[in-house]
Amino acid sequence: MNYRISHRAASLSPSLTLAIDAKAKQMKADGLDVVGFGAGEPDFDTPQHIKDAAARALADGFTKYTPSSGIPELRQAIADKFKRENGLGYKPSQIIVSCGGKHSCYNVILATCQEGDEVIIPAPYWLSYPEMVKLAGAKPIILQTTDKTEFKVTPDQLRSAITPRTRLLILNSPSNPTGSVYSPEEIKAIGNVCVEAGVLIMSDEIYEHLLYDGAEHKSVASFSQAHYDHTIVVHGFAKAWSMTGWRLGFLAAPEPVARAIDAVQSHSTSNPTSFAQKGAVAALTGPQDHLHRWLAEYDKRRTYAWKKLNSIPGVSCVNSKGAFYLFPNISKTGLKSADFCEKLLEGEKVAAVPGIAFGADDYIRLSYATSMANIEKGLDRLEKFIRTLSK
């Protein structure tokens, strides 16, 4: 039998983050002492009041289909969140609840892009963005940045990349994988370029609440009506409420785009999980005190890891201002990122993600969403590994 695979599926690269996390977990299951810096998920449990709300929904029999874009109660709670925290006025009809932040991103791209379109993606990027663009039949246009500019694209760089085919800019701040955060002034300037050129912006703001050193998050949609009209804001419950496995994301968009995304979702996944949505309502409307505790712990880990990395010969690292990642430069070791991470995992039992997965082969990504004990042990092993390379 000749199983013909579509060219779109065949063109995709597997998720290196998930692959490395799976390999590290298998090594642990085999009894090996592996330190994992790979997965981008909080190591804290979902707050209890959120779990209780979902459990009550299950007990009450809230287990049937819901509207494809989410239950009205949750869509209203999300609209209230945008108004309260971001100064953005969205009607519930402009809100789409999806099966994760990744699903929201994919829906946006699928609903707005097609063959012949170009999508500008600053690198380093979250590794799924270019693959989603390919699945939509569009072409990813990569804008390279480095640690010298804290991995931020400039307005001039963006402007020079825009062509008549440019449909969308993907903007992610705070950033996965770098932890960089655009200032409000920088965000506005990027938005101005897109407004002038008539280019849509998909603003991925899922790490909005994870900020350090006085960094400020400002949504590009909030600067003017024109910015609002050009922006689709993508968000989710995974990071700030530790709900990665719940698979709940959301977005806010101008009405015509929201209707198109609703149509796409209605024919692909139907609705997000019913009882999980009740938990999400509790996440938005209930206590938020967990976040202060988590941020204090993340900040302690971040500071330790950043100082430790910069003390290792051959490594340099810009400190992150958001999310829970560091993106050290390992170019002076003489190894490219995939080879580096493979040797590190096999030799010292430390799992990191190669920067090539994010379009930056001279770097690796380390998540500090793990215990301080793991960070100390893992970075000691990383230092030992790098010192062996110079012998």
Protein backbone atom coordinates (compact mmCIF):
# COMPACT_ATOMS: atom_id res chain seq x y z
CA MET A 1 0.00 0.00 0.00
CA ASN A 2 1.32 3.42 -0.97
CA TYR A 3 0.44 5.79 1.86
CA ARG A 4 0.76 9.16 0.23
CA ILE A 5 1.43 11.86 2.82
CA SER A 6 0.34 15.41 2.03
CA HIS A 7 3.11 17.85 1.23
CA ARG A 8 1.96 20.05 4.12
CA ALA A 9 2.31 17.27 6.66
CA ALA A 10 5.58 16.10 5.14
CA SER A 11 7.06 19.60 5.34
CA LEU A 12 6.65 19.84 9.12
CA SER A 13 9.42 19.50 11.69
CA PRO A 14 8.50 17.60 14.87
CA SER A 15 8.39 19.58 18.13
CA LEU A 16 11.89 19.32 19.59
CA THR A 17 10.70 20.57 22.98
CA LEU A 18 8.18 17.77 23.32
CA ALA A 19 10.62 15.21 21.90
CA ILE A 20 13.39 16.13 24.33
CA ASP A 21 10.99 16.23 27.27
CA ALA A 22 9.72 12.77 26.31
CA LYS A 23 13.26 11.38 26.02
CA ALA A 24 14.24 12.85 29.40
CA LYS A 25 11.14 11.35 31.03
CA GLN A 26 11.92 7.95 29.50
CA MET A 27 15.48 8.12 30.83
CA LYS A 28 14.08 8.95 34.26
CA ALA A 29 11.68 6.02 33.98
CA ASP A 30 14.69 3.84 33.21
CA GLY A 31 16.17 4.86 36.54
CA LEU A 32 18.61 7.55 35.36
CA ASP A 33 19.09 10.77 37.33
CA VAL A 34 18.09 13.28 34.65
CA VAL A 35 17.68 17.01 35.21
CA GLY A 36 15.15 18.43 32.77
CA PHE A 37 15.24 22.05 31.60
CA GLY A 38 13.10 21.31 28.58
CA ALA A 39 9.39 21.62 29.20
CA GLY A 40 7.75 25.02 29.19
CA GLU A 41 5.29 24.43 31.98
CA PRO A 42 5.11 25.59 35.60
CA ASP A 43 6.22 23.06 38.18
CA PHE A 44 3.53 24.38 40.53
CA ASP A 45 0.14 22.67 40.80
CA THR A 46 -3.05 24.26 39.50
CA PRO A 47 -4.54 26.37 42.33
CA GLN A 48 -7.05 24.40 44.35
CA HIS A 49 -10.07 26.64 43.75
CA ILE A 50 -9.71 26.07 40.00
CA LYS A 51 -9.61 22.30 40.42
CA ASP A 52 -12.58 22.46 42.77
CA ALA A 53 -14.66 24.36 40.21
CA ALA A 54 -13.95 21.76 37.53
CA ALA A 55 -14.70 18.93 39.96
CA ARG A 56 -18.05 20.53 40.85
CA ALA A 57 -18.88 20.85 37.17
CA LEU A 58 -18.19 17.16 36.69
CA ALA A 59 -20.26 16.24 39.74
CA ASP A 60 -23.11 18.43 38.44
CA GLY A 61 -23.08 16.64 35.09
CA PHE A 62 -21.66 19.56 33.10
CA THR A 63 -20.23 17.14 30.56
CA LYS A 64 -22.10 17.89 27.32
CA TYR A 65 -21.34 19.98 24.25
CA THR A 66 -21.01 23.71 24.73
CA PRO A 67 -21.03 26.48 22.11
CA SER A 68 -18.00 25.98 19.85
CA SER A 69 -16.37 29.23 20.99
CA GLY A 70 -16.88 28.59 24.70
CA ILE A 71 -19.56 29.02 27.33
CA PRO A 72 -21.01 32.54 27.64
CA GLU A 73 -19.89 32.81 31.27
CA LEU A 74 -16.24 32.23 30.34
CA ARG A 75 -16.30 34.49 27.30
CA GLN A 76 -17.70 37.28 29.48
CA ALA A 77 -15.04 36.65 32.14
CA ILE A 78 -12.33 36.90 29.47
CA ALA A 79 -13.82 40.13 28.09
CA ASP A 80 -13.86 41.48 31.65
CA LYS A 81 -10.18 40.49 32.07
CA PHE A 82 -9.17 42.39 28.94
CA LYS A 83 -11.05 45.48 30.10
CA ARG A 84 -9.76 45.31 33.67
CA GLU A 85 -6.12 44.46 32.99
CA ASN A 86 -5.45 45.77 29.48
CA GLY A 87 -7.94 48.58 28.92
CA LEU A 88 -9.35 46.72 25.92
CA GLY A 89 -13.05 46.69 25.12
CA TYR A 90 -14.14 43.39 23.62
CA LYS A 91 -17.65 41.96 23.41
CA PRO A 92 -18.04 38.27 24.28
CA SER A 93 -18.75 37.65 20.59
CA GLN A 94 -15.17 38.72 19.86
CA ILE A 95 -13.77 36.12 22.27
CA ILE A 96 -12.96 32.56 21.15
CA VAL A 97 -12.07 29.90 23.71
CA SER A 98 -9.99 27.11 22.23
CA CYS A 99 -8.20 23.88 23.12
CA GLY A 100 -5.01 25.63 24.27
CA GLY A 101 -2.95 28.68 23.40
CA LYS A 102 -1.33 26.68 20.59
CA HIS A 103 -4.77 25.96 19.15
CA SER A 104 -5.64 29.66 19.31
CA CYS A 105 -2.48 30.52 17.35
CA TYR A 106 -3.24 27.90 14.73
CA ASN A 107 -6.84 29.08 14.37
CA VAL A 108 -5.70 32.68 13.83
CA ILE A 109 -3.21 31.71 11.15
CA LEU A 110 -5.61 29.32 9.41
CA ALA A 111 -8.40 31.90 9.38
CA THR A 112 -6.31 34.82 8.11
CA CYS A 113 -3.59 33.33 5.86
CA GLN A 114 -3.57 31.38 2.61
CA GLU A 115 -1.37 30.35 -0.32
CA GLY A 116 0.82 33.20 -1.50
CA ASP A 117 0.69 35.09 1.79
CA GLU A 118 3.78 35.86 3.85
CA VAL A 119 3.95 35.86 7.64
CA ILE A 120 6.78 37.70 9.39
CA ILE A 121 8.21 35.89 12.41
CA PRO A 122 11.04 37.41 14.46
CA ALA A 123 13.64 34.82 15.53
CA PRO A 124 14.21 33.34 18.01
CA TYR A 125 10.57 32.25 17.79
CA TRP A 126 8.36 29.71 19.46
CA LEU A 127 9.05 26.67 17.36
CA SER A 128 5.44 26.00 16.27
CA TYR A 129 4.85 29.36 14.57
CA PRO A 130 6.58 28.59 11.25
CA GLU A 131 5.04 25.12 11.08
CA MET A 132 1.55 26.55 11.56
CA VAL A 133 2.19 29.06 8.79
CA LYS A 134 3.25 26.23 6.47
CA LEU A 135 0.08 24.29 7.29
CA ALA A 136 -1.94 27.30 6.18
CA GLY A 137 -0.09 27.26 2.86
CA ALA A 138 1.62 30.57 3.58
CA LYS A 139 5.35 31.34 3.74
CA PRO A 140 7.18 32.16 6.99
CA ILE A 141 9.56 35.12 6.66
CA ILE A 142 12.12 34.98 9.46
CA LEU A 143 13.64 38.16 10.90
CA GLN A 144 16.82 37.26 12.79
CA THR A 145 17.73 38.97 16.06
CA THR A 146 20.51 38.32 18.57
CA ASP A 147 21.31 38.79 22.23
CA LYS A 148 22.99 42.11 21.33
CA THR A 149 19.52 43.64 20.91
CA GLU A 150 17.92 41.46 23.62
CA PHE A 151 16.34 39.47 20.79
CA LYS A 152 14.03 42.31 19.73
CA VAL A 153 13.21 43.25 16.16
CA THR A 154 13.39 46.96 15.30
CA PRO A 155 10.73 48.95 13.41
CA ASP A 156 13.16 49.54 10.53
CA GLN A 157 13.96 45.83 10.33
CA LEU A 158 10.25 45.04 10.23
CA ARG A 159 9.49 47.71 7.69
CA SER A 160 12.18 46.41 5.32
CA ALA A 161 10.70 42.90 5.46
CA ILE A 162 7.14 43.90 4.55
CA THR A 163 6.09 43.20 0.97
CA PRO A 164 2.72 43.35 -0.85
CA ARG A 165 2.32 39.69 0.14
CA THR A 166 2.75 40.28 3.87
CA ARG A 167 -0.42 39.34 5.71
CA LEU A 168 0.58 38.88 9.34
CA LEU A 169 3.26 39.66 11.92
CA ILE A 170 3.61 37.26 14.84
CA LEU A 171 4.63 39.17 17.96
CA ASN A 172 5.41 37.34 21.21
CA SER A 173 6.16 39.39 24.33
CA PRO A 174 7.11 38.21 26.91
CA SER A 175 8.95 35.78 24.69
CA ASN A 176 9.35 32.05 24.49
CA PRO A 177 12.23 31.11 24.15
CA THR A 178 14.25 34.19 25.16
CA GLY A 179 12.33 35.76 28.03
CA SER A 180 12.70 39.17 26.38
CA VAL A 181 9.99 41.80 26.87
CA TYR A 182 9.32 44.70 24.51
CA SER A 183 8.78 48.00 26.31
CA PRO A 184 5.46 49.80 25.70
CA GLU A 185 7.29 52.29 23.46
CA GLU A 186 8.82 49.47 21.42
CA ILE A 187 5.49 47.68 21.11
CA LYS A 188 3.77 50.86 19.92
CA ALA A 189 6.47 51.49 17.30
CA ILE A 190 6.12 47.95 15.95
CA GLY A 191 2.36 48.38 15.87
CA ASN A 192 2.69 51.67 14.01
CA VAL A 193 4.62 49.97 11.20
CA CYS A 194 1.92 47.33 10.82
CA VAL A 195 -0.89 49.86 10.86
CA GLU A 196 0.84 51.95 8.18
CA ALA A 197 1.34 48.88 5.99
CA GLY A 198 -2.07 47.31 6.62
CA VAL A 199 -0.52 44.19 8.17
CA LEU A 200 -2.35 42.20 10.83
CA ILE A 201 -0.63 41.38 14.12
CA MET A 202 -1.05 38.15 16.05
CA SER A 203 0.06 39.21 19.51
CA ASP A 204 0.84 36.16 21.63
CA GLU A 205 0.55 37.39 25.22
CA ILE A 206 0.31 34.12 27.13
CA TYR A 207 3.25 35.05 29.41
CA GLU A 208 1.73 38.46 30.22
CA HIS A 209 1.70 37.94 33.99
CA LEU A 210 5.25 36.61 34.31
CA LEU A 211 7.41 39.75 34.51
CA TYR A 212 10.59 40.72 36.42
CA ASP A 213 12.78 43.74 37.14
CA GLY A 214 9.97 46.23 36.62
CA ALA A 215 9.23 45.10 33.07
CA GLU A 216 5.80 46.23 31.87
CA HIS A 217 3.43 44.42 29.56
CA LYS A 218 1.37 46.53 27.18
CA SER A 219 -0.84 44.98 24.53
CA VAL A 220 -0.29 46.37 21.05
CA ALA A 221 -4.08 46.51 20.64
CA SER A 222 -4.36 49.14 23.38
CA PHE A 223 -2.62 52.11 21.74
CA SER A 224 -5.32 53.31 19.34
CA GLN A 225 -8.41 52.19 17.47
CA ALA A 226 -6.20 51.46 14.46
CA HIS A 227 -3.90 49.24 16.53
CA TYR A 228 -6.97 47.49 17.95
CA ASP A 229 -8.38 46.89 14.47
CA HIS A 230 -5.12 45.36 13.25
CA THR A 231 -4.54 43.03 16.23
CA ILE A 232 -5.63 39.56 17.30
CA VAL A 233 -4.60 38.91 20.90
CA VAL A 234 -3.80 35.29 21.78
CA HIS A 235 -3.68 34.12 25.38
CA GLY A 236 -4.30 31.07 27.54
CA PHE A 237 -4.51 29.54 31.01
CA ALA A 238 -1.43 27.32 30.85
CA LYS A 239 1.29 29.57 32.23
CA ALA A 240 -0.14 31.96 34.84
CA TRP A 241 -2.50 29.37 36.33
CA SER A 242 -0.46 26.19 35.66
CA MET A 243 -3.18 24.63 33.53
CA THR A 244 -1.04 23.19 30.72
CA GLY A 245 -2.85 19.85 30.61
CA TRP A 246 -6.28 21.45 30.74
CA ARG A 247 -5.85 22.61 27.11
CA LEU A 248 -7.62 25.95 27.31
CA GLY A 249 -6.60 29.00 25.34
CA PHE A 250 -8.44 32.12 24.27
CA LEU A 251 -8.18 35.00 21.86
CA ALA A 252 -9.79 38.34 21.16
CA ALA A 253 -10.23 39.63 17.62
CA PRO A 254 -12.14 42.09 15.47
CA GLU A 255 -15.62 40.71 14.76
CA PRO A 256 -15.02 39.48 11.18
CA VAL A 257 -11.89 37.59 12.24
CA ALA A 258 -13.62 36.16 15.31
CA ARG A 259 -16.47 34.86 13.14
CA ALA A 260 -14.00 33.22 10.76
CA ILE A 261 -12.11 31.59 13.63
CA ASP A 262 -15.37 30.35 15.13
CA ALA A 263 -16.21 28.72 11.80
CA VAL A 264 -12.80 27.04 11.61
CA GLN A 265 -13.06 25.75 15.17
CA SER A 266 -16.61 24.50 14.76
CA HIS A 267 -15.44 22.16 12.00
CA SER A 268 -12.21 21.02 13.68
CA THR A 269 -12.50 20.54 17.43
CA SER A 270 -16.01 21.77 18.20
CA ASN A 271 -15.97 23.14 21.75
CA PRO A 272 -13.23 23.14 24.40
CA THR A 273 -13.78 20.65 27.24
CA SER A 274 -16.94 21.60 29.09
CA PHE A 275 -15.96 21.13 32.74
CA ALA A 276 -12.47 22.58 32.14
CA GLN A 277 -14.16 25.82 31.10
CA LYS A 278 -15.81 26.05 34.53
CA GLY A 279 -12.33 25.81 36.04
CA ALA A 280 -11.19 28.61 33.74
CA VAL A 281 -14.00 30.86 34.97
CA ALA A 282 -12.72 30.28 38.51
CA ALA A 283 -9.18 31.05 37.34
CA LEU A 284 -10.20 34.48 36.07
CA THR A 285 -12.69 35.43 38.75
CA GLY A 286 -11.17 33.80 41.83
CA PRO A 287 -8.13 34.61 44.00
CA GLN A 288 -4.91 35.52 42.21
CA ASP A 289 -2.57 35.43 45.21
CA HIS A 290 -0.77 32.32 43.92
CA LEU A 291 0.90 34.40 41.23
CA HIS A 292 2.87 36.55 43.69
CA ARG A 293 4.31 33.44 45.33
CA TRP A 294 5.17 31.86 42.00
CA LEU A 295 6.82 35.01 40.66
CA ALA A 296 8.97 35.36 43.77
CA GLU A 297 10.18 31.79 43.34
CA TYR A 298 10.73 32.16 39.58
CA ASP A 299 12.69 35.35 40.19
CA LYS A 300 14.96 33.64 42.71
CA ARG A 301 15.64 30.79 40.28
CA ARG A 302 16.12 33.16 37.34
CA THR A 303 18.67 35.28 39.21
CA TYR A 304 20.65 32.27 40.37
CA ALA A 305 20.66 30.59 36.95
CA TRP A 306 21.60 33.77 35.08
CA LYS A 307 24.56 34.47 37.37
CA LYS A 308 25.69 30.86 37.25
CA LEU A 309 25.52 30.69 33.45
CA ASN A 310 27.57 33.86 33.03
CA SER A 311 30.23 32.45 35.36
CA ILE A 312 30.81 29.46 33.07
CA PRO A 313 33.64 29.96 30.55
CA GLY A 314 32.31 29.94 26.99
CA VAL A 315 28.76 30.87 27.96
CA SER A 316 27.06 34.26 27.93
CA CYS A 317 23.45 34.93 28.76
CA VAL A 318 21.15 37.95 28.61
CA ASN A 319 18.86 38.01 31.62
CA SER A 320 15.20 37.35 30.93
CA LYS A 321 12.58 39.97 31.79
CA GLY A 322 9.59 37.67 31.46
CA ALA A 323 8.28 34.12 31.09
CA PHE A 324 10.47 31.39 32.67
CA TYR A 325 13.29 30.82 30.19
CA LEU A 326 16.93 31.74 29.75
CA PHE A 327 18.53 31.56 26.32
CA PRO A 328 22.31 31.32 26.78
CA ASN A 329 24.77 31.73 23.91
CA ILE A 330 26.96 28.61 23.57
CA SER A 331 28.72 29.53 20.31
CA LYS A 332 32.15 29.76 21.98
CA THR A 333 31.99 26.06 22.86
CA GLY A 334 32.46 25.21 19.19
CA LEU A 335 29.28 23.12 19.10
CA LYS A 336 26.01 23.86 17.39
CA SER A 337 22.92 23.58 19.53
CA ALA A 338 21.59 20.13 18.55
CA ASP A 339 24.99 18.48 18.95
CA PHE A 340 25.54 20.35 22.21
CA CYS A 341 22.21 19.24 23.69
CA GLU A 342 22.60 15.64 22.56
CA LYS A 343 26.06 15.36 24.13
CA LEU A 344 24.86 17.14 27.28
CA LEU A 345 21.96 14.74 27.73
CA GLU A 346 24.00 11.62 27.03
CA GLY A 347 27.07 12.70 28.99
CA GLU A 348 25.70 14.59 31.98
CA LYS A 349 22.00 13.64 31.98
CA VAL A 350 20.81 17.23 31.50
CA ALA A 351 17.97 17.96 29.08
CA ALA A 352 17.96 21.34 27.33
CA VAL A 353 16.35 22.42 24.06
CA PRO A 354 18.58 23.23 21.06
CA GLY A 355 18.27 26.78 19.85
CA ILE A 356 17.95 25.58 16.27
CA ALA A 357 14.37 24.62 17.12
CA PHE A 358 13.73 28.33 17.65
CA GLY A 359 15.73 29.54 14.66
CA ALA A 360 18.91 30.34 16.63
CA ASP A 361 21.55 27.63 16.40
CA ASP A 362 24.13 29.34 18.66
CA TYR A 363 21.87 29.15 21.71
CA ILE A 364 20.05 26.68 23.95
CA ARG A 365 16.86 27.16 25.92
CA LEU A 366 16.72 26.44 29.63
CA SER A 367 13.44 26.57 31.53
CA TYR A 368 13.68 27.60 35.17
CA ALA A 369 10.17 26.29 35.84
CA THR A 370 11.78 23.60 37.94
CA SER A 371 13.03 23.39 41.52
CA MET A 372 16.06 25.28 42.76
CA ALA A 373 17.65 21.95 43.65
CA ASN A 374 17.30 20.81 40.04
CA ILE A 375 18.64 24.11 38.75
CA GLU A 376 21.72 23.96 40.97
CA LYS A 377 22.44 20.34 40.12
CA GLY A 378 21.73 20.77 36.42
CA LEU A 379 23.87 23.88 36.00
CA ASP A 380 26.75 22.27 37.90
CA ARG A 381 26.56 19.42 35.41
CA LEU A 382 26.36 21.87 32.52
CA GLU A 383 29.50 23.61 33.78
CA LYS A 384 31.29 20.28 34.11
CA PHE A 385 30.28 19.36 30.56
CA ILE A 386 31.50 22.65 29.07
CA ARG A 387 34.80 22.46 30.93
CA THR A 388 35.43 19.00 29.44
CA LEU A 389 35.02 20.49 25.96
CA SER A 390 38.03 22.77 26.46
CA LYS A 391 40.36 20.00 27.55
